[in-house]
């Protein structure tokens, strides 16, 4: 049981650390899909806004996972299942939000020759 708690704590710590890095705009390479784009395709996106959104999402997931583990450890089944449900709904809302409305697209793409 103690081993499970230690492993879960490490996993939650990694999620929280990645979230903080992304919120600060320092780790865009962690965003799947964005890191494989070429420079021209990346120029169509607001990198800081995308990093901030994914960072807050990672922080939310990290905190949710941490609380789920805590509630499970305390045998608070109602809170555990409720938080799992709320987390799933939150992820669905985040996915829909991120993929609709071109929220992270720049209005005018910056060409490579125009960069300073």
PDB file of N, CA and C in Angstrom:
ATOM      1  N   UNK A   1       0.817  -1.197   0.000  1.00  0.00           N
ATOM      2  CA  UNK A   1       0.000   0.000   0.000  1.00  0.00           C
ATOM      3  C   UNK A   1       0.858   1.256   0.000  1.00  0.00           C
ATOM      4  N   UNK A   2       1.911   1.257   0.793  1.00  0.00           N
ATOM      5  CA  UNK A   2       2.798   2.414   0.849  1.00  0.00           C
ATOM      6  C   UNK A   2       3.493   2.634  -0.489  1.00  0.00           C
ATOM      7  N   UNK A   3       3.859   1.550  -1.163  1.00  0.00           N
ATOM      8  CA  UNK A   3       4.509   1.659  -2.470  1.00  0.00           C
ATOM      9  C   UNK A   3       3.580   2.338  -3.474  1.00  0.00           C
ATOM     10  N   UNK A   4       2.293   1.972  -3.443  1.00  0.00           N
ATOM     11  CA  UNK A   4       1.327   2.593  -4.349  1.00  0.00           C
ATOM     12  C   UNK A   4       1.212   4.091  -4.102  1.00  0.00           C
ATOM     13  N   UNK A   5       1.229   4.482  -2.844  1.00  0.00           N
ATOM     14  CA  UNK A   5       1.124   5.901  -2.504  1.00  0.00           C
ATOM     15  C   UNK A   5       2.362   6.662  -2.975  1.00  0.00           C
ATOM     16  N   UNK A   6       3.520   6.063  -2.810  1.00  0.00           N
ATOM     17  CA  UNK A   6       4.765   6.712  -3.242  1.00  0.00           C
ATOM     18  C   UNK A   6       4.773   6.884  -4.757  1.00  0.00           C
ATOM     19  N   UNK A   7       4.398   5.847  -5.486  1.00  0.00           N
ATOM     20  CA  UNK A   7       4.372   5.918  -6.950  1.00  0.00           C
ATOM     21  C   UNK A   7       3.353   6.953  -7.411  1.00  0.00           C
ATOM     22  N   UNK A   8       2.195   6.965  -6.789  1.00  0.00           N
ATOM     23  CA  UNK A   8       1.160   7.939  -7.153  1.00  0.00           C
ATOM     24  C   UNK A   8       1.617   9.365  -6.853  1.00  0.00           C
ATOM     25  N   UNK A   9       2.297   9.564  -5.744  1.00  0.00           N
ATOM     26  CA  UNK A   9       2.810  10.888  -5.395  1.00  0.00           C
ATOM     27  C   UNK A   9       3.831  11.365  -6.413  1.00  0.00           C
ATOM     28  N   UNK A  10       4.689  10.463  -6.865  1.00  0.00           N
ATOM     29  CA  UNK A  10       5.674  10.814  -7.896  1.00  0.00           C
ATOM     30  C   UNK A  10       4.960  11.195  -9.190  1.00  0.00           C
ATOM     31  N   UNK A  11       3.954  10.415  -9.582  1.00  0.00           N
ATOM     32  CA  UNK A  11       3.206  10.704 -10.812  1.00  0.00           C
ATOM     33  C   UNK A  11       2.501  12.049 -10.731  1.00  0.00           C
ATOM     34  N   UNK A  12       1.864  12.326  -9.601  1.00  0.00           N
ATOM     35  CA  UNK A  12       1.178  13.612  -9.417  1.00  0.00           C
ATOM     36  C   UNK A  12       2.189  14.748  -9.438  1.00  0.00           C
ATOM     37  N   UNK A  13       3.341  14.567  -8.820  1.00  0.00           N
ATOM     38  CA  UNK A  13       4.378  15.604  -8.817  1.00  0.00           C
ATOM     39  C   UNK A  13       4.865  15.904 -10.225  1.00  0.00           C
ATOM     40  N   UNK A  14       5.017  14.868 -11.039  1.00  0.00           N
ATOM     41  CA  UNK A  14       5.440  15.064 -12.431  1.00  0.00           C
ATOM     42  C   UNK A  14       4.374  15.842 -13.202  1.00  0.00           C
ATOM     43  N   UNK A  15       3.105  15.482 -13.026  1.00  0.00           N
ATOM     44  CA  UNK A  15       2.019  16.204 -13.699  1.00  0.00           C
ATOM     45  C   UNK A  15       1.999  17.672 -13.285  1.00  0.00           C
ATOM     46  N   UNK A  16       2.147  17.946 -11.997  1.00  0.00           N
ATOM     47  CA  UNK A  16       2.131  19.322 -11.514  1.00  0.00           C
ATOM     48  C   UNK A  16       3.334  20.106 -12.036  1.00  0.00           C
ATOM     49  N   UNK A  17       4.500  19.481 -12.055  1.00  0.00           N
ATOM     50  CA  UNK A  17       5.706  20.152 -12.562  1.00  0.00           C
ATOM     51  C   UNK A  17       5.563  20.472 -14.052  1.00  0.00           C
ATOM     52  N   UNK A  18       5.024  19.524 -14.812  1.00  0.00           N
ATOM     53  CA  UNK A  18       4.814  19.767 -16.241  1.00  0.00           C
ATOM     54  C   UNK A  18       3.793  20.886 -16.450  1.00  0.00           C
ATOM     55  N   UNK A  19       2.766  20.925 -15.619  1.00  0.00           N
ATOM     56  CA  UNK A  19       1.779  21.988 -15.708  1.00  0.00           C
ATOM     57  C   UNK A  19       2.383  23.352 -15.451  1.00  0.00           C
ATOM     58  N   UNK A  20       3.232  23.446 -14.444  1.00  0.00           N
ATOM     59  CA  UNK A  20       3.885  24.725 -14.123  1.00  0.00           C
ATOM     60  C   UNK A  20       4.805  25.165 -15.253  1.00  0.00           C
ATOM     61  N   UNK A  21       5.561  24.216 -15.818  1.00  0.00           N
ATOM     62  CA  UNK A  21       6.429  24.549 -16.953  1.00  0.00           C
ATOM     63  C   UNK A  21       5.624  25.060 -18.140  1.00  0.00           C
ATOM     64  N   UNK A  22       4.517  24.402 -18.417  1.00  0.00           N
ATOM     65  CA  UNK A  22       3.690  24.814 -19.558  1.00  0.00           C
ATOM     66  C   UNK A  22       3.028  26.172 -19.317  1.00  0.00           C
ATOM     67  N   UNK A  23       2.571  26.427 -18.115  1.00  0.00           N
ATOM     68  CA  UNK A  23       1.947  27.719 -17.824  1.00  0.00           C
ATOM     69  C   UNK A  23       2.938  28.852 -18.051  1.00  0.00           C
ATOM     70  N   UNK A  24       4.200  28.602 -17.738  1.00  0.00           N
ATOM     71  CA  UNK A  24       5.229  29.616 -17.949  1.00  0.00           C
ATOM     72  C   UNK A  24       5.684  29.696 -19.401  1.00  0.00           C
ATOM     73  N   UNK A  25       5.148  28.840 -20.268  1.00  0.00           N
ATOM     74  CA  UNK A  25       5.488  28.875 -21.687  1.00  0.00           C
ATOM     75  C   UNK A  25       6.850  28.312 -22.014  1.00  0.00           C
ATOM     76  N   UNK A  26       7.415  27.512 -21.121  1.00  0.00           N
ATOM     77  CA  UNK A  26       8.773  27.016 -21.301  1.00  0.00           C
ATOM     78  C   UNK A  26       8.849  25.618 -21.909  1.00  0.00           C
ATOM     79  N   UNK A  27       7.724  24.947 -22.096  1.00  0.00           N
ATOM     80  CA  UNK A  27       7.799  23.538 -22.492  1.00  0.00           C
ATOM     81  C   UNK A  27       6.798  23.190 -23.587  1.00  0.00           C
ATOM     82  N   UNK A  28       6.783  23.968 -24.659  1.00  0.00           N
ATOM     83  CA  UNK A  28       5.851  23.694 -25.756  1.00  0.00           C
ATOM     84  C   UNK A  28       6.155  22.348 -26.406  1.00  0.00           C
ATOM     85  N   UNK A  29       7.378  21.878 -26.259  1.00  0.00           N
ATOM     86  CA  UNK A  29       7.745  20.589 -26.847  1.00  0.00           C
ATOM     87  C   UNK A  29       7.006  19.426 -26.198  1.00  0.00           C
ATOM     88  N   UNK A  30       6.356  19.649 -25.063  1.00  0.00           N
ATOM     89  CA  UNK A  30       5.598  18.594 -24.402  1.00  0.00           C
ATOM     90  C   UNK A  30       4.191  18.419 -24.968  1.00  0.00           C
ATOM     91  N   UNK A  31       3.747  19.347 -25.801  1.00  0.00           N
ATOM     92  CA  UNK A  31       2.399  19.280 -26.349  1.00  0.00           C
ATOM     93  C   UNK A  31       2.412  18.386 -27.579  1.00  0.00           C
ATOM     94  N   UNK A  32       1.700  17.279 -27.484  1.00  0.00           N
ATOM     95  CA  UNK A  32       1.657  16.318 -28.586  1.00  0.00           C
ATOM     96  C   UNK A  32       1.023  16.969 -29.811  1.00  0.00           C
ATOM     97  N   UNK A  33       1.619  16.748 -30.950  1.00  0.00           N
ATOM     98  CA  UNK A  33       1.119  17.321 -32.191  1.00  0.00           C
ATOM     99  C   UNK A  33       1.785  18.645 -32.492  1.00  0.00           C
ATOM    100  N   UNK A  34       1.862  19.516 -31.509  1.00  0.00           N
ATOM    101  CA  UNK A  34       2.505  20.816 -31.721  1.00  0.00           C
ATOM    102  C   UNK A  34       4.008  20.640 -31.900  1.00  0.00           C
ATOM    103  N   UNK A  35       4.590  19.715 -31.156  1.00  0.00           N
ATOM    104  CA  UNK A  35       6.034  19.529 -31.223  1.00  0.00           C
ATOM    105  C   UNK A  35       6.490  18.881 -32.529  1.00  0.00           C
ATOM    106  N   UNK A  36       5.580  18.288 -33.289  1.00  0.00           N
ATOM    107  CA  UNK A  36       5.969  17.654 -34.554  1.00  0.00           C
ATOM    108  C   UNK A  36       5.720  18.552 -35.765  1.00  0.00           C
ATOM    109  N   UNK A  37       5.141  19.727 -35.553  1.00  0.00           N
ATOM    110  CA  UNK A  37       4.883  20.656 -36.651  1.00  0.00           C
ATOM    111  C   UNK A  37       6.170  21.306 -37.122  1.00  0.00           C
ATOM    112  N   UNK A  38       6.195  21.670 -38.397  1.00  0.00           N
ATOM    113  CA  UNK A  38       7.338  22.446 -38.873  1.00  0.00           C
ATOM    114  C   UNK A  38       7.143  23.909 -38.479  1.00  0.00           C
ATOM    115  N   UNK A  39       8.160  24.728 -38.703  1.00  0.00           N
ATOM    116  CA  UNK A  39       8.115  26.117 -38.232  1.00  0.00           C
ATOM    117  C   UNK A  39       6.989  26.913 -38.886  1.00  0.00           C
ATOM    118  N   UNK A  40       6.720  26.626 -40.157  1.00  0.00           N
ATOM    119  CA  UNK A  40       5.665  27.359 -40.847  1.00  0.00           C
ATOM    120  C   UNK A  40       4.304  27.071 -40.208  1.00  0.00           C
ATOM    121  N   UNK A  41       4.032  25.806 -39.915  1.00  0.00           N
ATOM    122  CA  UNK A  41       2.761  25.453 -39.289  1.00  0.00           C
ATOM    123  C   UNK A  41       2.669  25.995 -37.864  1.00  0.00           C
ATOM    124  N   UNK A  42       3.787  25.998 -37.146  1.00  0.00           N
ATOM    125  CA  UNK A  42       3.786  26.541 -35.784  1.00  0.00           C
ATOM    126  C   UNK A  42       3.508  28.043 -35.780  1.00  0.00           C
ATOM    127  N   UNK A  43       3.881  28.724 -36.876  1.00  0.00           N
ATOM    128  CA  UNK A  43       3.688  30.176 -36.925  1.00  0.00           C
ATOM    129  C   UNK A  43       2.210  30.551 -36.970  1.00  0.00           C
ATOM    130  N   UNK A  44       1.327  29.605 -37.244  1.00  0.00           N
ATOM    131  CA  UNK A  44      -0.107  29.882 -37.261  1.00  0.00           C
ATOM    132  C   UNK A  44      -0.729  29.853 -35.868  1.00  0.00           C
ATOM    133  N   UNK A  45       0.006  29.431 -34.860  1.00  0.00           N
ATOM    134  CA  UNK A  45      -0.554  29.254 -33.515  1.00  0.00           C
ATOM    135  C   UNK A  45       0.083  30.199 -32.501  1.00  0.00           C
ATOM    136  N   UNK A  46      -0.718  30.617 -31.542  1.00  0.00           N
ATOM    137  CA  UNK A  46      -0.230  31.399 -30.407  1.00  0.00           C
ATOM    138  C   UNK A  46       0.364  30.421 -29.402  1.00  0.00           C
ATOM    139  N   UNK A  47       1.672  30.308 -29.396  1.00  0.00           N
ATOM    140  CA  UNK A  47       2.332  29.304 -28.565  1.00  0.00           C
ATOM    141  C   UNK A  47       2.095  29.534 -27.083  1.00  0.00           C
ATOM    142  N   UNK A  48       2.173  30.771 -26.644  1.00  0.00           N
ATOM    143  CA  UNK A  48       1.983  31.053 -25.212  1.00  0.00           C
ATOM    144  C   UNK A  48       0.575  30.712 -24.747  1.00  0.00           C
ATOM    145  N   UNK A  49      -0.432  31.063 -25.539  1.00  0.00           N
ATOM    146  CA  UNK A  49      -1.815  30.777 -25.159  1.00  0.00           C
ATOM    147  C   UNK A  49      -2.059  29.273 -25.120  1.00  0.00           C
ATOM    148  N   UNK A  50      -1.516  28.559 -26.099  1.00  0.00           N
ATOM    149  CA  UNK A  50      -1.662  27.110 -26.137  1.00  0.00           C
ATOM    150  C   UNK A  50      -0.964  26.465 -24.941  1.00  0.00           C
ATOM    151  N   UNK A  51       0.239  26.929 -24.634  1.00  0.00           N
ATOM    152  CA  UNK A  51       0.977  26.400 -23.475  1.00  0.00           C
ATOM    153  C   UNK A  51       0.226  26.685 -22.179  1.00  0.00           C
ATOM    154  N   UNK A  52      -0.307  27.890 -22.044  1.00  0.00           N
ATOM    155  CA  UNK A  52      -1.040  28.238 -20.833  1.00  0.00           C
ATOM    156  C   UNK A  52      -2.274  27.341 -20.657  1.00  0.00           C
ATOM    157  N   UNK A  53      -3.015  27.114 -21.732  1.00  0.00           N
ATOM    158  CA  UNK A  53      -4.205  26.276 -21.657  1.00  0.00           C
ATOM    159  C   UNK A  53      -3.840  24.850 -21.260  1.00  0.00           C
ATOM    160  N   UNK A  54      -2.852  24.281 -21.937  1.00  0.00           N
ATOM    161  CA  UNK A  54      -2.448  22.903 -21.640  1.00  0.00           C
ATOM    162  C   UNK A  54      -1.848  22.815 -20.236  1.00  0.00           C
ATOM    163  N   UNK A  55      -1.137  23.853 -19.812  1.00  0.00           N
ATOM    164  CA  UNK A  55      -0.566  23.873 -18.465  1.00  0.00           C
ATOM    165  C   UNK A  55      -1.639  23.851 -17.383  1.00  0.00           C
ATOM    166  N   UNK A  56      -2.667  24.685 -17.548  1.00  0.00           N
ATOM    167  CA  UNK A  56      -3.759  24.687 -16.569  1.00  0.00           C
ATOM    168  C   UNK A  56      -4.504  23.359 -16.599  1.00  0.00           C
ATOM    169  N   UNK A  57      -4.620  22.776 -17.777  1.00  0.00           N
ATOM    170  CA  UNK A  57      -5.251  21.458 -17.878  1.00  0.00           C
ATOM    171  C   UNK A  57      -4.431  20.408 -17.132  1.00  0.00           C
ATOM    172  N   UNK A  58      -3.114  20.459 -17.285  1.00  0.00           N
ATOM    173  CA  UNK A  58      -2.244  19.508 -16.577  1.00  0.00           C
ATOM    174  C   UNK A  58      -2.319  19.712 -15.062  1.00  0.00           C
ATOM    175  N   UNK A  59      -2.360  20.956 -14.621  1.00  0.00           N
ATOM    176  CA  UNK A  59      -2.500  21.210 -13.178  1.00  0.00           C
ATOM    177  C   UNK A  59      -3.817  20.654 -12.656  1.00  0.00           C
ATOM    178  N   UNK A  60      -4.877  20.859 -13.412  1.00  0.00           N
ATOM    179  CA  UNK A  60      -6.173  20.321 -13.007  1.00  0.00           C
ATOM    180  C   UNK A  60      -6.173  18.804 -12.934  1.00  0.00           C
ATOM    181  N   UNK A  61      -5.567  18.178 -13.926  1.00  0.00           N
ATOM    182  CA  UNK A  61      -5.489  16.717 -13.928  1.00  0.00           C
ATOM    183  C   UNK A  61      -4.638  16.229 -12.757  1.00  0.00           C
ATOM    184  N   UNK A  62      -3.511  16.901 -12.524  1.00  0.00           N
ATOM    185  CA  UNK A  62      -2.645  16.506 -11.417  1.00  0.00           C
ATOM    186  C   UNK A  62      -3.338  16.615 -10.066  1.00  0.00           C
ATOM    187  N   UNK A  63      -4.034  17.728  -9.851  1.00  0.00           N
ATOM    188  CA  UNK A  63      -4.758  17.892  -8.590  1.00  0.00           C
ATOM    189  C   UNK A  63      -5.894  16.883  -8.460  1.00  0.00           C
ATOM    190  N   UNK A  64      -6.595  16.626  -9.554  1.00  0.00           N
ATOM    191  CA  UNK A  64      -7.684  15.640  -9.525  1.00  0.00           C
ATOM    192  C   UNK A  64      -7.159  14.250  -9.197  1.00  0.00           C
ATOM    193  N   UNK A  65      -6.079  13.870  -9.852  1.00  0.00           N
ATOM    194  CA  UNK A  65      -5.506  12.548  -9.593  1.00  0.00           C
ATOM    195  C   UNK A  65      -5.037  12.457  -8.143  1.00  0.00           C
ATOM    196  N   UNK A  66      -4.406  13.521  -7.656  1.00  0.00           N
ATOM    197  CA  UNK A  66      -3.967  13.525  -6.259  1.00  0.00           C
ATOM    198  C   UNK A  66      -5.116  13.377  -5.284  1.00  0.00           C
ATOM    199  N   UNK A  67      -6.198  14.101  -5.534  1.00  0.00           N
ATOM    200  CA  UNK A  67      -7.362  13.998  -4.653  1.00  0.00           C
ATOM    201  C   UNK A  67      -8.049  12.642  -4.773  1.00  0.00           C
ATOM    202  N   UNK A  68      -8.105  12.096  -5.968  1.00  0.00           N
ATOM    203  CA  UNK A  68      -8.698  10.771  -6.155  1.00  0.00           C
ATOM    204  C   UNK A  68      -7.911   9.729  -5.367  1.00  0.00           C
ATOM    205  N   UNK A  69      -6.601   9.818  -5.414  1.00  0.00           N
ATOM    206  CA  UNK A  69      -5.765   8.878  -4.669  1.00  0.00           C
ATOM    207  C   UNK A  69      -5.972   9.061  -3.164  1.00  0.00           C
ATOM    208  N   UNK A  70      -6.044  10.315  -2.719  1.00  0.00           N
ATOM    209  CA  UNK A  70      -6.271  10.584  -1.296  1.00  0.00           C
ATOM    210  C   UNK A  70      -7.622  10.042  -0.840  1.00  0.00           C
ATOM    211  N   UNK A  71      -8.669  10.330  -1.603  1.00  0.00           N
ATOM    212  CA  UNK A  71      -9.999   9.852  -1.233  1.00  0.00           C
ATOM    213  C   UNK A  71     -10.076   8.331  -1.255  1.00  0.00           C
ATOM    214  N   UNK A  72      -9.382   7.716  -2.210  1.00  0.00           N
ATOM    215  CA  UNK A  72      -9.364   6.256  -2.266  1.00  0.00           C
ATOM    216  C   UNK A  72      -8.635   5.683  -1.047  1.00  0.00           C
ATOM    217  N   UNK A  73      -7.541   6.328  -0.669  1.00  0.00           N
ATOM    218  CA  UNK A  73      -6.785   5.888   0.503  1.00  0.00           C
ATOM    219  C   UNK A  73      -7.624   6.001   1.772  1.00  0.00           C
ATOM    220  N   UNK A  74      -8.436   7.053   1.857  1.00  0.00           N
ATOM    221  CA  UNK A  74      -9.285   7.271   3.024  1.00  0.00           C
ATOM    222  C   UNK A  74     -10.602   6.482   2.960  1.00  0.00           C
ATOM    223  N   UNK A  75     -10.788   5.723   1.894  1.00  0.00           N
ATOM    224  CA  UNK A  75     -12.008   4.932   1.673  1.00  0.00           C
ATOM    225  C   UNK A  75     -13.263   5.793   1.626  1.00  0.00           C
ATOM    226  N   UNK A  76     -13.155   6.935   0.995  1.00  0.00           N
ATOM    227  CA  UNK A  76     -14.290   7.813   0.782  1.00  0.00           C
ATOM    228  C   UNK A  76     -14.796   7.576  -0.641  1.00  0.00           C
ATOM    229  N   UNK A  77     -15.487   6.485  -0.823  1.00  0.00           N
ATOM    230  CA  UNK A  77     -15.895   6.042  -2.163  1.00  0.00           C
ATOM    231  C   UNK A  77     -16.751   7.087  -2.880  1.00  0.00           C
ATOM    232  N   UNK A  78     -17.681   7.695  -2.188  1.00  0.00           N
ATOM    233  CA  UNK A  78     -18.558   8.676  -2.829  1.00  0.00           C
ATOM    234  C   UNK A  78     -17.750   9.817  -3.437  1.00  0.00           C
ATOM    235  N   UNK A  79     -16.810  10.365  -2.657  1.00  0.00           N
ATOM    236  CA  UNK A  79     -15.994  11.473  -3.148  1.00  0.00           C
ATOM    237  C   UNK A  79     -15.075  11.026  -4.283  1.00  0.00           C
ATOM    238  N   UNK A  80     -14.550   9.811  -4.179  1.00  0.00           N
ATOM    239  CA  UNK A  80     -13.677   9.284  -5.225  1.00  0.00           C
ATOM    240  C   UNK A  80     -14.426   9.205  -6.546  1.00  0.00           C
ATOM    241  N   UNK A  81     -15.595   8.566  -6.537  1.00  0.00           N
ATOM    242  CA  UNK A  81     -16.353   8.400  -7.771  1.00  0.00           C
ATOM    243  C   UNK A  81     -16.892   9.727  -8.298  1.00  0.00           C
ATOM    244  N   UNK A  82     -17.270  10.609  -7.398  1.00  0.00           N
ATOM    245  CA  UNK A  82     -17.749  11.921  -7.821  1.00  0.00           C
ATOM    246  C   UNK A  82     -16.633  12.697  -8.510  1.00  0.00           C
ATOM    247  N   UNK A  83     -15.440  12.669  -7.942  1.00  0.00           N
ATOM    248  CA  UNK A  83     -14.321  13.391  -8.535  1.00  0.00           C
ATOM    249  C   UNK A  83     -13.901  12.769  -9.857  1.00  0.00           C
ATOM    250  N   UNK A  84     -13.958  11.457  -9.975  1.00  0.00           N
ATOM    251  CA  UNK A  84     -13.653  10.809 -11.257  1.00  0.00           C
ATOM    252  C   UNK A  84     -14.645  11.296 -12.312  1.00  0.00           C
ATOM    253  N   UNK A  85     -15.921  11.336 -11.971  1.00  0.00           N
ATOM    254  CA  UNK A  85     -16.951  11.798 -12.899  1.00  0.00           C
ATOM    255  C   UNK A  85     -16.724  13.260 -13.289  1.00  0.00           C
ATOM    256  N   UNK A  86     -16.468  14.118 -12.309  1.00  0.00           N
ATOM    257  CA  UNK A  86     -16.247  15.537 -12.582  1.00  0.00           C
ATOM    258  C   UNK A  86     -15.005  15.734 -13.445  1.00  0.00           C
ATOM    259  N   UNK A  87     -13.953  14.956 -13.197  1.00  0.00           N
ATOM    260  CA  UNK A  87     -12.737  15.047 -13.997  1.00  0.00           C
ATOM    261  C   UNK A  87     -13.005  14.651 -15.443  1.00  0.00           C
ATOM    262  N   UNK A  88     -13.768  13.595 -15.649  1.00  0.00           N
ATOM    263  CA  UNK A  88     -14.100  13.181 -17.020  1.00  0.00           C
ATOM    264  C   UNK A  88     -14.896  14.255 -17.747  1.00  0.00           C
ATOM    265  N   UNK A  89     -15.871  14.829 -17.070  1.00  0.00           N
ATOM    266  CA  UNK A  89     -16.661  15.904 -17.681  1.00  0.00           C
ATOM    267  C   UNK A  89     -15.759  17.107 -17.999  1.00  0.00           C
ATOM    268  N   UNK A  90     -14.870  17.439 -17.089  1.00  0.00           N
ATOM    269  CA  UNK A  90     -13.945  18.545 -17.315  1.00  0.00           C
ATOM    270  C   UNK A  90     -13.036  18.312 -18.507  1.00  0.00           C
ATOM    271  N   UNK A  91     -12.561  17.098 -18.669  1.00  0.00           N
ATOM    272  CA  UNK A  91     -11.711  16.780 -19.821  1.00  0.00           C
ATOM    273  C   UNK A  91     -12.490  16.880 -21.130  1.00  0.00           C
ATOM    274  N   UNK A  92     -13.719  16.429 -21.127  1.00  0.00           N
ATOM    275  CA  UNK A  92     -14.542  16.539 -22.334  1.00  0.00           C
ATOM    276  C   UNK A  92     -14.761  18.006 -22.697  1.00  0.00           C
ATOM    277  N   UNK A  93     -15.076  18.826 -21.692  1.00  0.00           N
ATOM    278  CA  UNK A  93     -15.264  20.256 -21.930  1.00  0.00           C
ATOM    279  C   UNK A  93     -13.972  20.892 -22.452  1.00  0.00           C
ATOM    280  N   UNK A  94     -12.830  20.528 -21.888  1.00  0.00           N
ATOM    281  CA  UNK A  94     -11.545  21.085 -22.324  1.00  0.00           C
ATOM    282  C   UNK A  94     -11.224  20.685 -23.760  1.00  0.00           C
ATOM    283  N   UNK A  95     -11.510  19.444 -24.116  1.00  0.00           N
ATOM    284  CA  UNK A  95     -11.251  18.985 -25.484  1.00  0.00           C
ATOM    285  C   UNK A  95     -12.130  19.742 -26.477  1.00  0.00           C
ATOM    286  N   UNK A  96     -13.396  19.903 -26.152  1.00  0.00           N
ATOM    287  CA  UNK A  96     -14.300  20.643 -27.033  1.00  0.00           C
ATOM    288  C   UNK A  96     -13.861  22.101 -27.131  1.00  0.00           C
ATOM    289  N   UNK A  97     -13.506  22.695 -26.012  1.00  0.00           N
ATOM    290  CA  UNK A  97     -13.066  24.096 -25.995  1.00  0.00           C
ATOM    291  C   UNK A  97     -11.820  24.292 -26.859  1.00  0.00           C
ATOM    292  N   UNK A  98     -10.860  23.391 -26.737  1.00  0.00           N
ATOM    293  CA  UNK A  98      -9.600  23.541 -27.463  1.00  0.00           C
ATOM    294  C   UNK A  98      -9.760  23.326 -28.963  1.00  0.00           C
ATOM    295  N   UNK A  99     -10.725  22.514 -29.349  1.00  0.00           N
ATOM    296  CA  UNK A  99     -10.851  22.153 -30.760  1.00  0.00           C
ATOM    297  C   UNK A  99     -11.944  22.900 -31.507  1.00  0.00           C
ATOM    298  N   UNK A 100     -12.550  23.881 -30.893  1.00  0.00           N
ATOM    299  CA  UNK A 100     -13.572  24.669 -31.574  1.00  0.00           C
ATOM    300  C   UNK A 100     -13.187  26.136 -31.543  1.00  0.00           C
ATOM    301  N   UNK A 101     -13.579  26.848 -32.544  1.00  0.00           N
ATOM    302  CA  UNK A 101     -13.425  28.294 -32.543  1.00  0.00           C
ATOM    303  C   UNK A 101     -12.042  28.823 -32.875  1.00  0.00           C
ATOM    304  N   UNK A 102     -11.099  27.973 -33.291  1.00  0.00           N
ATOM    305  CA  UNK A 102      -9.740  28.431 -33.616  1.00  0.00           C
ATOM    306  C   UNK A 102      -9.174  29.328 -32.520  1.00  0.00           C
ATOM    307  N   UNK A 103      -9.298  28.906 -31.287  1.00  0.00           N
ATOM    308  CA  UNK A 103      -8.915  29.724 -30.140  1.00  0.00           C
ATOM    309  C   UNK A 103      -7.421  30.023 -30.046  1.00  0.00           C
ATOM    310  N   UNK A 104      -6.608  29.145 -30.574  1.00  0.00           N
ATOM    311  CA  UNK A 104      -5.165  29.311 -30.436  1.00  0.00           C
ATOM    312  C   UNK A 104      -4.496  29.676 -31.756  1.00  0.00           C
ATOM    313  N   UNK A 105      -5.284  30.021 -32.751  1.00  0.00           N
ATOM    314  CA  UNK A 105      -4.745  30.411 -34.050  1.00  0.00           C
ATOM    315  C   UNK A 105      -4.441  31.904 -34.053  1.00  0.00           C
ATOM    316  N   UNK A 106      -3.332  32.262 -34.686  1.00  0.00           N
ATOM    317  CA  UNK A 106      -3.006  33.665 -34.857  1.00  0.00           C
ATOM    318  C   UNK A 106      -3.889  34.244 -35.949  1.00  0.00           C
ATOM    319  N   UNK A 107      -4.109  35.538 -35.864  1.00  0.00           N
ATOM    320  CA  UNK A 107      -4.909  36.210 -36.895  1.00  0.00           C
ATOM    321  C   UNK A 107      -4.133  36.285 -38.207  1.00  0.00           C
ATOM    322  N   UNK A 108      -2.844  36.648 -38.120  1.00  0.00           N
ATOM    323  CA  UNK A 108      -1.995  36.735 -39.302  1.00  0.00           C
ATOM    324  C   UNK A 108      -0.734  35.930 -39.009  1.00  0.00           C
ATOM    325  N   UNK A 109      -0.426  34.905 -39.815  1.00  0.00           N
ATOM    326  CA  UNK A 109       0.783  34.121 -39.553  1.00  0.00           C
ATOM    327  C   UNK A 109       2.038  34.942 -39.817  1.00  0.00           C
ATOM    328  N   UNK A 110       3.043  34.700 -39.011  1.00  0.00           N
ATOM    329  CA  UNK A 110       4.327  35.384 -39.156  1.00  0.00           C
ATOM    330  C   UNK A 110       5.213  34.512 -40.023  1.00  0.00           C
ATOM    331  N   UNK A 111       5.683  35.069 -41.123  1.00  0.00           N
ATOM    332  CA  UNK A 111       6.579  34.312 -41.992  1.00  0.00           C
ATOM    333  C   UNK A 111       7.984  34.320 -41.397  1.00  0.00           C
ATOM    334  N   UNK A 112       8.789  33.333 -41.794  1.00  0.00           N
ATOM    335  CA  UNK A 112      10.108  33.183 -41.210  1.00  0.00           C
ATOM    336  C   UNK A 112      11.007  34.377 -41.476  1.00  0.00           C
ATOM    337  N   UNK A 113      10.893  34.995 -42.640  1.00  0.00           N
ATOM    338  CA  UNK A 113      11.734  36.126 -42.974  1.00  0.00           C
ATOM    339  C   UNK A 113      11.394  37.375 -42.186  1.00  0.00           C
ATOM    340  N   UNK A 114      10.194  37.444 -41.610  1.00  0.00           N
ATOM    341  CA  UNK A 114       9.757  38.638 -40.879  1.00  0.00           C
ATOM    342  C   UNK A 114      10.132  38.598 -39.399  1.00  0.00           C
ATOM    343  N   UNK A 115      10.670  37.483 -38.934  1.00  0.00           N
ATOM    344  CA  UNK A 115      11.026  37.374 -37.506  1.00  0.00           C
ATOM    345  C   UNK A 115      12.272  38.190 -37.202  1.00  0.00           C
ATOM    346  N   UNK A 116      12.357  38.625 -35.970  1.00  0.00           N
ATOM    347  CA  UNK A 116      13.513  39.435 -35.569  1.00  0.00           C
ATOM    348  C   UNK A 116      14.626  38.578 -35.061  1.00  0.00           C
TER     349      UNK A 116
END
